[in-house]
């Protein structure tokens, strides 16, 4: 379709990260635990993609090094592979310093956000797990947007 927007644009990814976080919050408030986790993971994914664009700098994810080097298909949703494209951010997030809130948030998000399992799950999920996950997403999302001069 000729009028279809390019969803790889930085501003689209940035906006999508904010909307998916809003979606996650609403789903969480409605006790839709797996849905909240699913949308929260996408908020982080989109924030990472927009940050990659910001740091290169380019306005389209398809013009980034990581995309041109072959990140395609389901790997486009891999938070770990996306973070690999941001070595300075990765060092901060994965720093083993005591009381590093980003590290614990990252561990929580990457251990729970398995999008294929969540996408096709018929489970309601777990409230405690969802609470922990949404809190972790909030921490990461705020940090990733701040590195782009943005706020939530």
C-alpha atoms as a PDB file:
ATOM      1  CA  UNK A   1       0.000   0.000   0.000  1.00  0.00           C
ATOM      2  CA  UNK A   2       1.539   3.301  -1.038  1.00  0.00           C
ATOM      3  CA  UNK A   3       0.187   5.312   1.920  1.00  0.00           C
ATOM      4  CA  UNK A   4       1.368   2.886   4.570  1.00  0.00           C
ATOM      5  CA  UNK A   5       3.769   4.625   6.959  1.00  0.00           C
ATOM      6  CA  UNK A   6       7.250   3.219   7.376  1.00  0.00           C
ATOM      7  CA  UNK A   7       7.085   1.674  10.831  1.00  0.00           C
ATOM      8  CA  UNK A   8      10.875   1.593  11.014  1.00  0.00           C
ATOM      9  CA  UNK A   9      11.071   5.371  11.407  1.00  0.00           C
ATOM     10  CA  UNK A  10      12.645   6.594  14.639  1.00  0.00           C
ATOM     11  CA  UNK A  11       9.693   8.815  15.544  1.00  0.00           C
ATOM     12  CA  UNK A  12       7.282   5.923  14.903  1.00  0.00           C
ATOM     13  CA  UNK A  13       9.313   3.615  17.160  1.00  0.00           C
ATOM     14  CA  UNK A  14       9.571   6.285  19.844  1.00  0.00           C
ATOM     15  CA  UNK A  15       5.828   6.929  19.759  1.00  0.00           C
ATOM     16  CA  UNK A  16       5.086   3.207  19.692  1.00  0.00           C
ATOM     17  CA  UNK A  17       7.252   2.703  22.774  1.00  0.00           C
ATOM     18  CA  UNK A  18       5.131   5.214  24.663  1.00  0.00           C
ATOM     19  CA  UNK A  19       1.817   3.778  23.424  1.00  0.00           C
ATOM     20  CA  UNK A  20       2.811   0.173  24.207  1.00  0.00           C
ATOM     21  CA  UNK A  21       3.775   1.234  27.726  1.00  0.00           C
ATOM     22  CA  UNK A  22       0.361   2.868  28.099  1.00  0.00           C
ATOM     23  CA  UNK A  23      -1.230  -0.337  26.778  1.00  0.00           C
ATOM     24  CA  UNK A  24       0.777  -2.391  29.266  1.00  0.00           C
ATOM     25  CA  UNK A  25      -0.381  -0.197  32.133  1.00  0.00           C
ATOM     26  CA  UNK A  26      -4.038  -0.495  31.108  1.00  0.00           C
ATOM     27  CA  UNK A  27      -3.812  -4.259  30.671  1.00  0.00           C
ATOM     28  CA  UNK A  28      -2.105  -4.493  34.047  1.00  0.00           C
ATOM     29  CA  UNK A  29      -4.849  -2.443  35.698  1.00  0.00           C
ATOM     30  CA  UNK A  30      -7.388  -4.861  34.206  1.00  0.00           C
ATOM     31  CA  UNK A  31      -5.477  -7.854  35.611  1.00  0.00           C
ATOM     32  CA  UNK A  32      -4.506  -9.042  32.143  1.00  0.00           C
ATOM     33  CA  UNK A  33      -1.082 -10.100  33.352  1.00  0.00           C
ATOM     34  CA  UNK A  34       0.323 -11.802  30.243  1.00  0.00           C
ATOM     35  CA  UNK A  35      -0.989  -9.042  27.992  1.00  0.00           C
ATOM     36  CA  UNK A  36       0.662  -6.429  30.195  1.00  0.00           C
ATOM     37  CA  UNK A  37       3.973  -8.272  29.991  1.00  0.00           C
ATOM     38  CA  UNK A  38       3.657  -8.682  26.238  1.00  0.00           C
ATOM     39  CA  UNK A  39       2.985  -4.985  25.631  1.00  0.00           C
ATOM     40  CA  UNK A  40       5.612  -3.917  28.163  1.00  0.00           C
ATOM     41  CA  UNK A  41       8.233  -5.926  26.312  1.00  0.00           C
ATOM     42  CA  UNK A  42       7.286  -4.205  23.083  1.00  0.00           C
ATOM     43  CA  UNK A  43       7.655  -0.830  24.800  1.00  0.00           C
ATOM     44  CA  UNK A  44      11.265  -1.705  25.619  1.00  0.00           C
ATOM     45  CA  UNK A  45      11.875  -3.105  22.124  1.00  0.00           C
ATOM     46  CA  UNK A  46      10.637   0.071  20.442  1.00  0.00           C
ATOM     47  CA  UNK A  47      12.585   2.280  22.863  1.00  0.00           C
ATOM     48  CA  UNK A  48      15.770   0.353  22.034  1.00  0.00           C
ATOM     49  CA  UNK A  49      15.166   0.720  18.294  1.00  0.00           C
ATOM     50  CA  UNK A  50      14.559   4.454  18.562  1.00  0.00           C
ATOM     51  CA  UNK A  51      17.688   4.832  20.717  1.00  0.00           C
ATOM     52  CA  UNK A  52      19.781   2.945  18.162  1.00  0.00           C
ATOM     53  CA  UNK A  53      18.556   5.389  15.510  1.00  0.00           C
ATOM     54  CA  UNK A  54      19.228   8.351  17.781  1.00  0.00           C
ATOM     55  CA  UNK A  55      22.785   7.296  18.520  1.00  0.00           C
ATOM     56  CA  UNK A  56      23.857   6.525  14.956  1.00  0.00           C
ATOM     57  CA  UNK A  57      22.189   9.127  14.045  1.00  0.00           C
ATOM     58  CA  UNK A  58      19.554   8.157  11.503  1.00  0.00           C
ATOM     59  CA  UNK A  59      15.823   8.604  11.242  1.00  0.00           C
ATOM     60  CA  UNK A  60      15.099   5.047  10.162  1.00  0.00           C
ATOM     61  CA  UNK A  61      15.967   1.746  11.792  1.00  0.00           C
ATOM     62  CA  UNK A  62      16.528   0.189   8.344  1.00  0.00           C
ATOM     63  CA  UNK A  63      19.494   2.549   7.940  1.00  0.00           C
ATOM     64  CA  UNK A  64      21.214   1.395  11.139  1.00  0.00           C
ATOM     65  CA  UNK A  65      24.323  -0.770  11.215  1.00  0.00           C
ATOM     66  CA  UNK A  66      22.596  -3.554  13.127  1.00  0.00           C
ATOM     67  CA  UNK A  67      19.828  -3.788  10.533  1.00  0.00           C
ATOM     68  CA  UNK A  68      22.239  -3.628   7.605  1.00  0.00           C
ATOM     69  CA  UNK A  69      24.342  -6.352   9.227  1.00  0.00           C
ATOM     70  CA  UNK A  70      21.412  -8.716   8.998  1.00  0.00           C
ATOM     71  CA  UNK A  71      19.156  -8.284  12.016  1.00  0.00           C
ATOM     72  CA  UNK A  72      15.908  -9.502  10.486  1.00  0.00           C
ATOM     73  CA  UNK A  73      12.833 -11.590  11.195  1.00  0.00           C
ATOM     74  CA  UNK A  74      12.275 -12.656  14.774  1.00  0.00           C
ATOM     75  CA  UNK A  75      15.692 -11.261  15.727  1.00  0.00           C
ATOM     76  CA  UNK A  76      14.194  -7.795  15.273  1.00  0.00           C
ATOM     77  CA  UNK A  77      12.338  -8.487  18.533  1.00  0.00           C
ATOM     78  CA  UNK A  78      15.365  -9.749  20.455  1.00  0.00           C
ATOM     79  CA  UNK A  79      16.002  -7.305  23.261  1.00  0.00           C
ATOM     80  CA  UNK A  80      19.429  -8.824  23.828  1.00  0.00           C
ATOM     81  CA  UNK A  81      20.474  -8.376  20.188  1.00  0.00           C
ATOM     82  CA  UNK A  82      19.126  -4.832  20.146  1.00  0.00           C
ATOM     83  CA  UNK A  83      21.046  -3.965  23.309  1.00  0.00           C
ATOM     84  CA  UNK A  84      24.200  -5.419  21.726  1.00  0.00           C
ATOM     85  CA  UNK A  85      23.950  -2.583  19.182  1.00  0.00           C
ATOM     86  CA  UNK A  86      24.245  -0.049  22.031  1.00  0.00           C
ATOM     87  CA  UNK A  87      27.564  -0.901  23.732  1.00  0.00           C
ATOM     88  CA  UNK A  88      27.666   2.179  25.996  1.00  0.00           C
ATOM     89  CA  UNK A  89      24.100   1.620  27.173  1.00  0.00           C
ATOM     90  CA  UNK A  90      24.791  -2.098  27.500  1.00  0.00           C
ATOM     91  CA  UNK A  91      27.731  -1.405  29.829  1.00  0.00           C
ATOM     92  CA  UNK A  92      25.520   0.686  32.110  1.00  0.00           C
ATOM     93  CA  UNK A  93      22.604  -1.740  32.077  1.00  0.00           C
ATOM     94  CA  UNK A  94      24.729  -4.838  32.603  1.00  0.00           C
ATOM     95  CA  UNK A  95      27.117  -3.290  35.128  1.00  0.00           C
ATOM     96  CA  UNK A  96      27.452  -5.618  38.126  1.00  0.00           C
ATOM     97  CA  UNK A  97      27.587  -2.676  40.541  1.00  0.00           C
ATOM     98  CA  UNK A  98      25.577  -3.178  43.678  1.00  0.00           C
ATOM     99  CA  UNK A  99      22.216  -1.416  43.534  1.00  0.00           C
ATOM    100  CA  UNK A 100      22.243  -1.059  39.736  1.00  0.00           C
ATOM    101  CA  UNK A 101      18.492  -0.732  39.102  1.00  0.00           C
ATOM    102  CA  UNK A 102      18.949  -1.110  35.347  1.00  0.00           C
ATOM    103  CA  UNK A 103      20.672  -4.478  35.634  1.00  0.00           C
ATOM    104  CA  UNK A 104      17.947  -6.009  37.757  1.00  0.00           C
ATOM    105  CA  UNK A 105      15.258  -4.493  35.531  1.00  0.00           C
ATOM    106  CA  UNK A 106      16.998  -5.896  32.444  1.00  0.00           C
ATOM    107  CA  UNK A 107      17.245  -9.364  33.974  1.00  0.00           C
ATOM    108  CA  UNK A 108      13.554  -9.264  34.865  1.00  0.00           C
ATOM    109  CA  UNK A 109      12.442  -8.096  31.435  1.00  0.00           C
ATOM    110  CA  UNK A 110      14.629 -10.425  29.392  1.00  0.00           C
ATOM    111  CA  UNK A 111      13.780 -13.443  31.515  1.00  0.00           C
ATOM    112  CA  UNK A 112      10.012 -12.939  31.274  1.00  0.00           C
ATOM    113  CA  UNK A 113       9.488 -11.417  27.821  1.00  0.00           C
ATOM    114  CA  UNK A 114       9.351 -14.365  25.522  1.00  0.00           C
ATOM    115  CA  UNK A 115       7.045 -12.889  22.947  1.00  0.00           C
ATOM    116  CA  UNK A 116       6.128 -16.093  21.107  1.00  0.00           C
ATOM    117  CA  UNK A 117       5.127 -17.799  24.347  1.00  0.00           C
ATOM    118  CA  UNK A 118       3.105 -14.775  25.442  1.00  0.00           C
ATOM    119  CA  UNK A 119       1.562 -14.177  22.029  1.00  0.00           C
ATOM    120  CA  UNK A 120       0.086 -17.664  21.842  1.00  0.00           C
ATOM    121  CA  UNK A 121      -0.533 -18.301  25.510  1.00  0.00           C
ATOM    122  CA  UNK A 122      -4.009 -18.945  26.813  1.00  0.00           C
ATOM    123  CA  UNK A 123      -2.879 -18.356  30.407  1.00  0.00           C
ATOM    124  CA  UNK A 124      -3.920 -15.300  32.370  1.00  0.00           C
ATOM    125  CA  UNK A 125      -0.455 -15.031  33.842  1.00  0.00           C
ATOM    126  CA  UNK A 126       0.742 -14.228  37.305  1.00  0.00           C
ATOM    127  CA  UNK A 127       0.072 -10.994  39.188  1.00  0.00           C
ATOM    128  CA  UNK A 128       3.338 -10.941  41.130  1.00  0.00           C
ATOM    129  CA  UNK A 129       5.340 -11.622  37.985  1.00  0.00           C
ATOM    130  CA  UNK A 130       3.443  -8.923  36.080  1.00  0.00           C
ATOM    131  CA  UNK A 131       3.952  -6.361  38.861  1.00  0.00           C
ATOM    132  CA  UNK A 132       7.677  -7.003  38.885  1.00  0.00           C
ATOM    133  CA  UNK A 133       7.815  -6.882  35.095  1.00  0.00           C
ATOM    134  CA  UNK A 134       5.902  -3.611  34.704  1.00  0.00           C
ATOM    135  CA  UNK A 135       8.085  -1.950  37.346  1.00  0.00           C
ATOM    136  CA  UNK A 136      11.179  -3.141  35.472  1.00  0.00           C
ATOM    137  CA  UNK A 137       9.809  -1.865  32.158  1.00  0.00           C
ATOM    138  CA  UNK A 138       9.133   1.542  33.718  1.00  0.00           C
ATOM    139  CA  UNK A 139      12.761   1.758  34.899  1.00  0.00           C
ATOM    140  CA  UNK A 140      14.226   0.722  31.547  1.00  0.00           C
ATOM    141  CA  UNK A 141      11.831   2.780  29.457  1.00  0.00           C
ATOM    142  CA  UNK A 142      12.550   5.934  31.448  1.00  0.00           C
ATOM    143  CA  UNK A 143      16.304   5.353  31.101  1.00  0.00           C
ATOM    144  CA  UNK A 144      16.232   4.540  27.377  1.00  0.00           C
ATOM    145  CA  UNK A 145      14.130   7.593  26.584  1.00  0.00           C
ATOM    146  CA  UNK A 146      16.295   9.856  28.754  1.00  0.00           C
ATOM    147  CA  UNK A 147      19.307   8.841  26.654  1.00  0.00           C
ATOM    148  CA  UNK A 148      17.462  10.323  23.673  1.00  0.00           C
ATOM    149  CA  UNK A 149      16.619  13.565  25.444  1.00  0.00           C
ATOM    150  CA  UNK A 150      13.034  12.366  25.800  1.00  0.00           C
ATOM    151  CA  UNK A 151      10.693  11.734  28.683  1.00  0.00           C
ATOM    152  CA  UNK A 152       7.999   9.134  29.101  1.00  0.00           C
END
